[in-house]
Amino acid sequence: MVFTQGTQFQGLGARRGASLYESLQNLTGELHQRAPQAIRDDRLLALPRFSLPLVHEERGQELFAELLFQAVKQRVWP
């Protein structure tokens, strides 16, 4: 999942938080309850923005998340 400052979280209803971070925490908690078998790595929530060589800065985290997803899918990441 990738979210931006423009993400609204309207589908959370009453669980929508007062901040983007709180809404994201509420959403990930809800998803974890519904799909406890899903792999979840909260370290990405605490990381500052970073850049990858040859990747536009705005897509850095999105691409990094996709690379992690592919690594898990191919069983090369624990």
PDB file of N, CA and C in Angstrom:
ATOM      1  N   MET A   1       0.837  -1.174   0.000  1.00  0.00           N
ATOM      2  CA  MET A   1       0.000   0.000   0.000  1.00  0.00           C
ATOM      3  C   MET A   1       0.882   1.237   0.000  1.00  0.00           C
ATOM      4  N   VAL A   2       0.450   2.205  -0.714  1.00  0.00           N
ATOM      5  CA  VAL A   2       1.168   3.470  -0.734  1.00  0.00           C
ATOM      6  C   VAL A   2       0.145   4.579  -0.530  1.00  0.00           C
ATOM      7  N   PHE A   3       0.475   5.510   0.335  1.00  0.00           N
ATOM      8  CA  PHE A   3      -0.413   6.628   0.618  1.00  0.00           C
ATOM      9  C   PHE A   3       0.355   7.924   0.461  1.00  0.00           C
ATOM     10  N   THR A   4      -0.356   8.981   0.142  1.00  0.00           N
ATOM     11  CA  THR A   4       0.249  10.301   0.012  1.00  0.00           C
ATOM     12  C   THR A   4      -0.452  11.256   0.963  1.00  0.00           C
ATOM     13  N   GLN A   5       0.017  12.481   1.013  1.00  0.00           N
ATOM     14  CA  GLN A   5      -0.631  13.491   1.848  1.00  0.00           C
ATOM     15  C   GLN A   5      -2.066  13.757   1.386  1.00  0.00           C
ATOM     16  N   GLY A   6      -2.381  13.420   0.129  1.00  0.00           N
ATOM     17  CA  GLY A   6      -3.719  13.639  -0.400  1.00  0.00           C
ATOM     18  C   GLY A   6      -4.702  12.520  -0.115  1.00  0.00           C
ATOM     19  N   THR A   7      -4.237  11.431   0.484  1.00  0.00           N
ATOM     20  CA  THR A   7      -5.128  10.311   0.788  1.00  0.00           C
ATOM     21  C   THR A   7      -6.156  10.752   1.823  1.00  0.00           C
ATOM     22  N   GLN A   8      -7.417  10.433   1.595  1.00  0.00           N
ATOM     23  CA  GLN A   8      -8.499  10.927   2.445  1.00  0.00           C
ATOM     24  C   GLN A   8      -8.952   9.974   3.550  1.00  0.00           C
ATOM     25  N   PHE A   9      -8.870   8.672   3.352  1.00  0.00           N
ATOM     26  CA  PHE A   9      -9.279   7.661   4.330  1.00  0.00           C
ATOM     27  C   PHE A   9     -10.762   7.767   4.697  1.00  0.00           C
ATOM     28  N   GLN A  10     -11.580   8.221   3.773  1.00  0.00           N
ATOM     29  CA  GLN A  10     -13.002   8.403   4.059  1.00  0.00           C
ATOM     30  C   GLN A  10     -13.705   7.085   4.355  1.00  0.00           C
ATOM     31  N   GLY A  11     -13.201   5.989   3.787  1.00  0.00           N
ATOM     32  CA  GLY A  11     -13.810   4.686   4.020  1.00  0.00           C
ATOM     33  C   GLY A  11     -13.680   4.188   5.444  1.00  0.00           C
ATOM     34  N   LEU A  12     -12.845   4.838   6.248  1.00  0.00           N
ATOM     35  CA  LEU A  12     -12.694   4.419   7.636  1.00  0.00           C
ATOM     36  C   LEU A  12     -13.858   4.858   8.514  1.00  0.00           C
ATOM     37  N   GLY A  13     -14.634   5.808   8.035  1.00  0.00           N
ATOM     38  CA  GLY A  13     -15.780   6.279   8.819  1.00  0.00           C
ATOM     39  C   GLY A  13     -15.340   6.836  10.158  1.00  0.00           C
ATOM     40  N   ALA A  14     -15.923   6.316  11.243  1.00  0.00           N
ATOM     41  CA  ALA A  14     -15.626   6.799  12.594  1.00  0.00           C
ATOM     42  C   ALA A  14     -14.196   6.484  13.019  1.00  0.00           C
ATOM     43  N   ARG A  15     -13.558   5.537  12.362  1.00  0.00           N
ATOM     44  CA  ARG A  15     -12.177   5.167  12.710  1.00  0.00           C
ATOM     45  C   ARG A  15     -11.152   6.100  12.048  1.00  0.00           C
ATOM     46  N   ARG A  16     -11.625   7.032  11.233  1.00  0.00           N
ATOM     47  CA  ARG A  16     -10.722   7.991  10.593  1.00  0.00           C
ATOM     48  C   ARG A  16     -10.072   8.856  11.667  1.00  0.00           C
ATOM     49  N   GLY A  17      -8.748   8.958  11.608  1.00  0.00           N
ATOM     50  CA  GLY A  17      -8.014   9.687  12.635  1.00  0.00           C
ATOM     51  C   GLY A  17      -7.963  11.179  12.401  1.00  0.00           C
ATOM     52  N   ALA A  18      -7.419  11.875  13.374  1.00  0.00           N
ATOM     53  CA  ALA A  18      -7.288  13.327  13.290  1.00  0.00           C
ATOM     54  C   ALA A  18      -6.103  13.719  12.410  1.00  0.00           C
ATOM     55  N   SER A  19      -5.206  12.770  12.148  1.00  0.00           N
ATOM     56  CA  SER A  19      -4.042  13.046  11.310  1.00  0.00           C
ATOM     57  C   SER A  19      -3.888  11.927  10.284  1.00  0.00           C
ATOM     58  N   LEU A  20      -3.079  12.189   9.265  1.00  0.00           N
ATOM     59  CA  LEU A  20      -2.775  11.178   8.258  1.00  0.00           C
ATOM     60  C   LEU A  20      -2.160   9.953   8.926  1.00  0.00           C
ATOM     61  N   TYR A  21      -1.211  10.179   9.825  1.00  0.00           N
ATOM     62  CA  TYR A  21      -0.534   9.077  10.500  1.00  0.00           C
ATOM     63  C   TYR A  21      -1.523   8.228  11.310  1.00  0.00           C
ATOM     64  N   GLU A  22      -2.404   8.879  12.054  1.00  0.00           N
ATOM     65  CA  GLU A  22      -3.389   8.148  12.864  1.00  0.00           C
ATOM     66  C   GLU A  22      -4.347   7.353  11.977  1.00  0.00           C
ATOM     67  N   SER A  23      -4.787   7.947  10.885  1.00  0.00           N
ATOM     68  CA  SER A  23      -5.668   7.234   9.948  1.00  0.00           C
ATOM     69  C   SER A  23      -4.951   6.029   9.349  1.00  0.00           C
ATOM     70  N   LEU A  24      -3.688   6.212   9.003  1.00  0.00           N
ATOM     71  CA  LEU A  24      -2.907   5.120   8.443  1.00  0.00           C
ATOM     72  C   LEU A  24      -2.748   3.996   9.470  1.00  0.00           C
ATOM     73  N   GLN A  25      -2.494   4.340  10.703  1.00  0.00           N
ATOM     74  CA  GLN A  25      -2.393   3.339  11.765  1.00  0.00           C
ATOM     75  C   GLN A  25      -3.714   2.594  11.936  1.00  0.00           C
ATOM     76  N   ASN A  26      -4.826   3.317  11.926  1.00  0.00           N
ATOM     77  CA  ASN A  26      -6.138   2.689  12.067  1.00  0.00           C
ATOM     78  C   ASN A  26      -6.431   1.753  10.892  1.00  0.00           C
ATOM     79  N   LEU A  27      -6.078   2.191   9.685  1.00  0.00           N
ATOM     80  CA  LEU A  27      -6.309   1.364   8.509  1.00  0.00           C
ATOM     81  C   LEU A  27      -5.452   0.105   8.539  1.00  0.00           C
ATOM     82  N   THR A  28      -4.175   0.242   8.850  1.00  0.00           N
ATOM     83  CA  THR A  28      -3.324  -0.944   8.888  1.00  0.00           C
ATOM     84  C   THR A  28      -3.748  -1.899   9.997  1.00  0.00           C
ATOM     85  N   GLY A  29      -4.214  -1.363  11.104  1.00  0.00           N
ATOM     86  CA  GLY A  29      -4.738  -2.215  12.182  1.00  0.00           C
ATOM     87  C   GLY A  29      -5.957  -2.993  11.725  1.00  0.00           C
ATOM     88  N   GLU A  30      -6.853  -2.336  11.031  1.00  0.00           N
ATOM     89  CA  GLU A  30      -8.061  -2.983  10.510  1.00  0.00           C
ATOM     90  C   GLU A  30      -7.701  -4.054   9.480  1.00  0.00           C
ATOM     91  N   LEU A  31      -6.779  -3.727   8.585  1.00  0.00           N
ATOM     92  CA  LEU A  31      -6.349  -4.707   7.583  1.00  0.00           C
ATOM     93  C   LEU A  31      -5.670  -5.901   8.233  1.00  0.00           C
ATOM     94  N   HIS A  32      -4.882  -5.656   9.282  1.00  0.00           N
ATOM     95  CA  HIS A  32      -4.218  -6.751   9.981  1.00  0.00           C
ATOM     96  C   HIS A  32      -5.238  -7.672  10.656  1.00  0.00           C
ATOM     97  N   GLN A  33      -6.300  -7.105  11.202  1.00  0.00           N
ATOM     98  CA  GLN A  33      -7.356  -7.921  11.813  1.00  0.00           C
ATOM     99  C   GLN A  33      -8.066  -8.771  10.768  1.00  0.00           C
ATOM    100  N   ARG A  34      -8.295  -8.198   9.595  1.00  0.00           N
ATOM    101  CA  ARG A  34      -9.012  -8.920   8.539  1.00  0.00           C
ATOM    102  C   ARG A  34      -8.130  -9.924   7.804  1.00  0.00           C
ATOM    103  N   ALA A  35      -6.837  -9.661   7.752  1.00  0.00           N
ATOM    104  CA  ALA A  35      -5.915 -10.549   7.024  1.00  0.00           C
ATOM    105  C   ALA A  35      -4.640 -10.742   7.850  1.00  0.00           C
ATOM    106  N   PRO A  36      -4.737 -11.457   8.977  1.00  0.00           N
ATOM    107  CA  PRO A  36      -3.569 -11.610   9.856  1.00  0.00           C
ATOM    108  C   PRO A  36      -2.404 -12.347   9.195  1.00  0.00           C
ATOM    109  N   GLN A  37      -2.669 -13.075   8.132  1.00  0.00           N
ATOM    110  CA  GLN A  37      -1.605 -13.810   7.443  1.00  0.00           C
ATOM    111  C   GLN A  37      -0.787 -12.909   6.520  1.00  0.00           C
ATOM    112  N   ALA A  38      -1.256 -11.713   6.258  1.00  0.00           N
ATOM    113  CA  ALA A  38      -0.551 -10.785   5.366  1.00  0.00           C
ATOM    114  C   ALA A  38       0.748 -10.322   6.023  1.00  0.00           C
ATOM    115  N   ILE A  39       1.779 -10.189   5.223  1.00  0.00           N
ATOM    116  CA  ILE A  39       3.068  -9.732   5.719  1.00  0.00           C
ATOM    117  C   ILE A  39       3.014  -8.222   5.906  1.00  0.00           C
ATOM    118  N   ARG A  40       3.513  -7.781   7.032  1.00  0.00           N
ATOM    119  CA  ARG A  40       3.439  -6.366   7.382  1.00  0.00           C
ATOM    120  C   ARG A  40       4.780  -5.932   7.946  1.00  0.00           C
ATOM    121  N   ASP A  41       5.290  -4.822   7.472  1.00  0.00           N
ATOM    122  CA  ASP A  41       6.567  -4.299   7.940  1.00  0.00           C
ATOM    123  C   ASP A  41       6.374  -2.832   8.295  1.00  0.00           C
ATOM    124  N   ASP A  42       6.241  -2.556   9.575  1.00  0.00           N
ATOM    125  CA  ASP A  42       5.972  -1.196  10.039  1.00  0.00           C
ATOM    126  C   ASP A  42       7.191  -0.291   9.974  1.00  0.00           C
ATOM    127  N   ARG A  43       8.359  -0.833   9.653  1.00  0.00           N
ATOM    128  CA  ARG A  43       9.560   0.012   9.580  1.00  0.00           C
ATOM    129  C   ARG A  43       9.419   1.096   8.529  1.00  0.00           C
ATOM    130  N   LEU A  44       8.660   0.837   7.466  1.00  0.00           N
ATOM    131  CA  LEU A  44       8.497   1.837   6.417  1.00  0.00           C
ATOM    132  C   LEU A  44       7.730   3.063   6.907  1.00  0.00           C
ATOM    133  N   LEU A  45       6.921   2.895   7.944  1.00  0.00           N
ATOM    134  CA  LEU A  45       6.170   4.038   8.471  1.00  0.00           C
ATOM    135  C   LEU A  45       7.083   5.033   9.171  1.00  0.00           C
ATOM    136  N   ALA A  46       8.199   4.549   9.709  1.00  0.00           N
ATOM    137  CA  ALA A  46       9.088   5.409  10.474  1.00  0.00           C
ATOM    138  C   ALA A  46      10.235   5.970   9.647  1.00  0.00           C
ATOM    139  N   LEU A  47      10.431   5.475   8.442  1.00  0.00           N
ATOM    140  CA  LEU A  47      11.550   5.925   7.627  1.00  0.00           C
ATOM    141  C   LEU A  47      11.286   7.308   7.035  1.00  0.00           C
ATOM    142  N   PRO A  48      12.299   8.149   7.029  1.00  0.00           N
ATOM    143  CA  PRO A  48      12.142   9.430   6.333  1.00  0.00           C
ATOM    144  C   PRO A  48      12.110   9.196   4.829  1.00  0.00           C
ATOM    145  N   ARG A  49      11.704  10.178   4.095  1.00  0.00           N
ATOM    146  CA  ARG A  49      11.719  10.065   2.633  1.00  0.00           C
ATOM    147  C   ARG A  49      13.152   9.868   2.179  1.00  0.00           C
ATOM    148  N   PHE A  50      13.323   9.075   1.183  1.00  0.00           N
ATOM    149  CA  PHE A  50      14.645   8.820   0.651  1.00  0.00           C
ATOM    150  C   PHE A  50      14.556   8.768  -0.860  1.00  0.00           C
ATOM    151  N   SER A  51      15.698   8.741  -1.496  1.00  0.00           N
ATOM    152  CA  SER A  51      15.694   8.692  -2.954  1.00  0.00           C
ATOM    153  C   SER A  51      16.446   7.456  -3.419  1.00  0.00           C
ATOM    154  N   LEU A  52      16.085   6.979  -4.577  1.00  0.00           N
ATOM    155  CA  LEU A  52      16.760   5.865  -5.222  1.00  0.00           C
ATOM    156  C   LEU A  52      17.396   6.397  -6.503  1.00  0.00           C
ATOM    157  N   PRO A  53      18.571   5.915  -6.843  1.00  0.00           N
ATOM    158  CA  PRO A  53      19.206   6.376  -8.086  1.00  0.00           C
ATOM    159  C   PRO A  53      18.295   6.135  -9.287  1.00  0.00           C
ATOM    160  N   LEU A  54      18.233   7.103 -10.174  1.00  0.00           N
ATOM    161  CA  LEU A  54      17.472   7.033 -11.424  1.00  0.00           C
ATOM    162  C   LEU A  54      15.955   6.954 -11.222  1.00  0.00           C
ATOM    163  N   VAL A  55      15.481   7.257 -10.022  1.00  0.00           N
ATOM    164  CA  VAL A  55      14.042   7.218  -9.732  1.00  0.00           C
ATOM    165  C   VAL A  55      13.621   8.598  -9.265  1.00  0.00           C
ATOM    166  N   HIS A  56      12.532   9.112  -9.831  1.00  0.00           N
ATOM    167  CA  HIS A  56      12.004  10.418  -9.414  1.00  0.00           C
ATOM    168  C   HIS A  56      11.716  10.367  -7.915  1.00  0.00           C
ATOM    169  N   GLU A  57      12.074  11.417  -7.199  1.00  0.00           N
ATOM    170  CA  GLU A  57      11.966  11.453  -5.734  1.00  0.00           C
ATOM    171  C   GLU A  57      10.573  11.082  -5.226  1.00  0.00           C
ATOM    172  N   GLU A  58       9.537  11.533  -5.910  1.00  0.00           N
ATOM    173  CA  GLU A  58       8.167  11.265  -5.462  1.00  0.00           C
ATOM    174  C   GLU A  58       7.791   9.791  -5.572  1.00  0.00           C
ATOM    175  N   ARG A  59       8.503   9.024  -6.377  1.00  0.00           N
ATOM    176  CA  ARG A  59       8.194   7.604  -6.555  1.00  0.00           C
ATOM    177  C   ARG A  59       9.112   6.690  -5.766  1.00  0.00           C
ATOM    178  N   GLY A  60      10.091   7.246  -5.050  1.00  0.00           N
ATOM    179  CA  GLY A  60      11.083   6.449  -4.346  1.00  0.00           C
ATOM    180  C   GLY A  60      10.489   5.432  -3.387  1.00  0.00           C
ATOM    181  N   GLN A  61       9.653   5.883  -2.462  1.00  0.00           N
ATOM    182  CA  GLN A  61       9.070   4.962  -1.484  1.00  0.00           C
ATOM    183  C   GLN A  61       8.128   3.974  -2.146  1.00  0.00           C
ATOM    184  N   GLU A  62       7.367   4.427  -3.119  1.00  0.00           N
ATOM    185  CA  GLU A  62       6.448   3.531  -3.819  1.00  0.00           C
ATOM    186  C   GLU A  62       7.222   2.409  -4.510  1.00  0.00           C
ATOM    187  N   LEU A  63       8.301   2.763  -5.173  1.00  0.00           N
ATOM    188  CA  LEU A  63       9.108   1.754  -5.857  1.00  0.00           C
ATOM    189  C   LEU A  63       9.778   0.832  -4.853  1.00  0.00           C
ATOM    190  N   PHE A  64      10.283   1.395  -3.762  1.00  0.00           N
ATOM    191  CA  PHE A  64      10.905   0.567  -2.724  1.00  0.00           C
ATOM    192  C   PHE A  64       9.901  -0.435  -2.160  1.00  0.00           C
ATOM    193  N   ALA A  65       8.680   0.011  -1.900  1.00  0.00           N
ATOM    194  CA  ALA A  65       7.640  -0.895  -1.405  1.00  0.00           C
ATOM    195  C   ALA A  65       7.349  -1.988  -2.424  1.00  0.00           C
ATOM    196  N   GLU A  66       7.300  -1.650  -3.688  1.00  0.00           N
ATOM    197  CA  GLU A  66       7.062  -2.643  -4.738  1.00  0.00           C
ATOM    198  C   GLU A  66       8.205  -3.657  -4.801  1.00  0.00           C
ATOM    199  N   LEU A  67       9.433  -3.183  -4.659  1.00  0.00           N
ATOM    200  CA  LEU A  67      10.577  -4.098  -4.653  1.00  0.00           C
ATOM    201  C   LEU A  67      10.516  -5.046  -3.458  1.00  0.00           C
ATOM    202  N   LEU A  68      10.141  -4.530  -2.294  1.00  0.00           N
ATOM    203  CA  LEU A  68       9.974  -5.399  -1.131  1.00  0.00           C
ATOM    204  C   LEU A  68       8.873  -6.428  -1.361  1.00  0.00           C
ATOM    205  N   PHE A  69       7.775  -5.991  -1.943  1.00  0.00           N
ATOM    206  CA  PHE A  69       6.667  -6.901  -2.246  1.00  0.00           C
ATOM    207  C   PHE A  69       7.124  -8.023  -3.164  1.00  0.00           C
ATOM    208  N   GLN A  70       7.851  -7.658  -4.206  1.00  0.00           N
ATOM    209  CA  GLN A  70       8.344  -8.669  -5.151  1.00  0.00           C
ATOM    210  C   GLN A  70       9.318  -9.625  -4.462  1.00  0.00           C
ATOM    211  N   ALA A  71      10.151  -9.118  -3.577  1.00  0.00           N
ATOM    212  CA  ALA A  71      11.098  -9.967  -2.854  1.00  0.00           C
ATOM    213  C   ALA A  71      10.367 -10.977  -1.967  1.00  0.00           C
ATOM    214  N   VAL A  72       9.323 -10.519  -1.286  1.00  0.00           N
ATOM    215  CA  VAL A  72       8.533 -11.427  -0.444  1.00  0.00           C
ATOM    216  C   VAL A  72       7.810 -12.448  -1.315  1.00  0.00           C
ATOM    217  N   LYS A  73       7.225 -11.995  -2.397  1.00  0.00           N
ATOM    218  CA  LYS A  73       6.493 -12.867  -3.309  1.00  0.00           C
ATOM    219  C   LYS A  73       7.402 -13.966  -3.878  1.00  0.00           C
ATOM    220  N   GLN A  74       8.627 -13.618  -4.182  1.00  0.00           N
ATOM    221  CA  GLN A  74       9.578 -14.576  -4.750  1.00  0.00           C
ATOM    222  C   GLN A  74      10.359 -15.329  -3.666  1.00  0.00           C
ATOM    223  N   ARG A  75       9.994 -15.079  -2.408  1.00  0.00           N
ATOM    224  CA  ARG A  75      10.584 -15.757  -1.260  1.00  0.00           C
ATOM    225  C   ARG A  75      12.091 -15.502  -1.094  1.00  0.00           C
ATOM    226  N   VAL A  76      12.526 -14.302  -1.452  1.00  0.00           N
ATOM    227  CA  VAL A  76      13.918 -13.934  -1.217  1.00  0.00           C
ATOM    228  C   VAL A  76      14.046 -12.971  -0.030  1.00  0.00           C
ATOM    229  N   TRP A  77      12.921 -12.610   0.572  1.00  0.00           N
ATOM    230  CA  TRP A  77      12.888 -11.776   1.775  1.00  0.00           C
ATOM    231  C   TRP A  77      12.097 -12.557   2.813  1.00  0.00           C
ATOM    232  N   PRO A  78      12.614 -12.634   4.046  1.00  0.00           N
ATOM    233  CA  PRO A  78      11.941 -13.473   5.076  1.00  0.00           C
ATOM    234  C   PRO A  78      10.516 -13.067   5.370  1.00  0.00           C
TER     235      PRO A  78
END
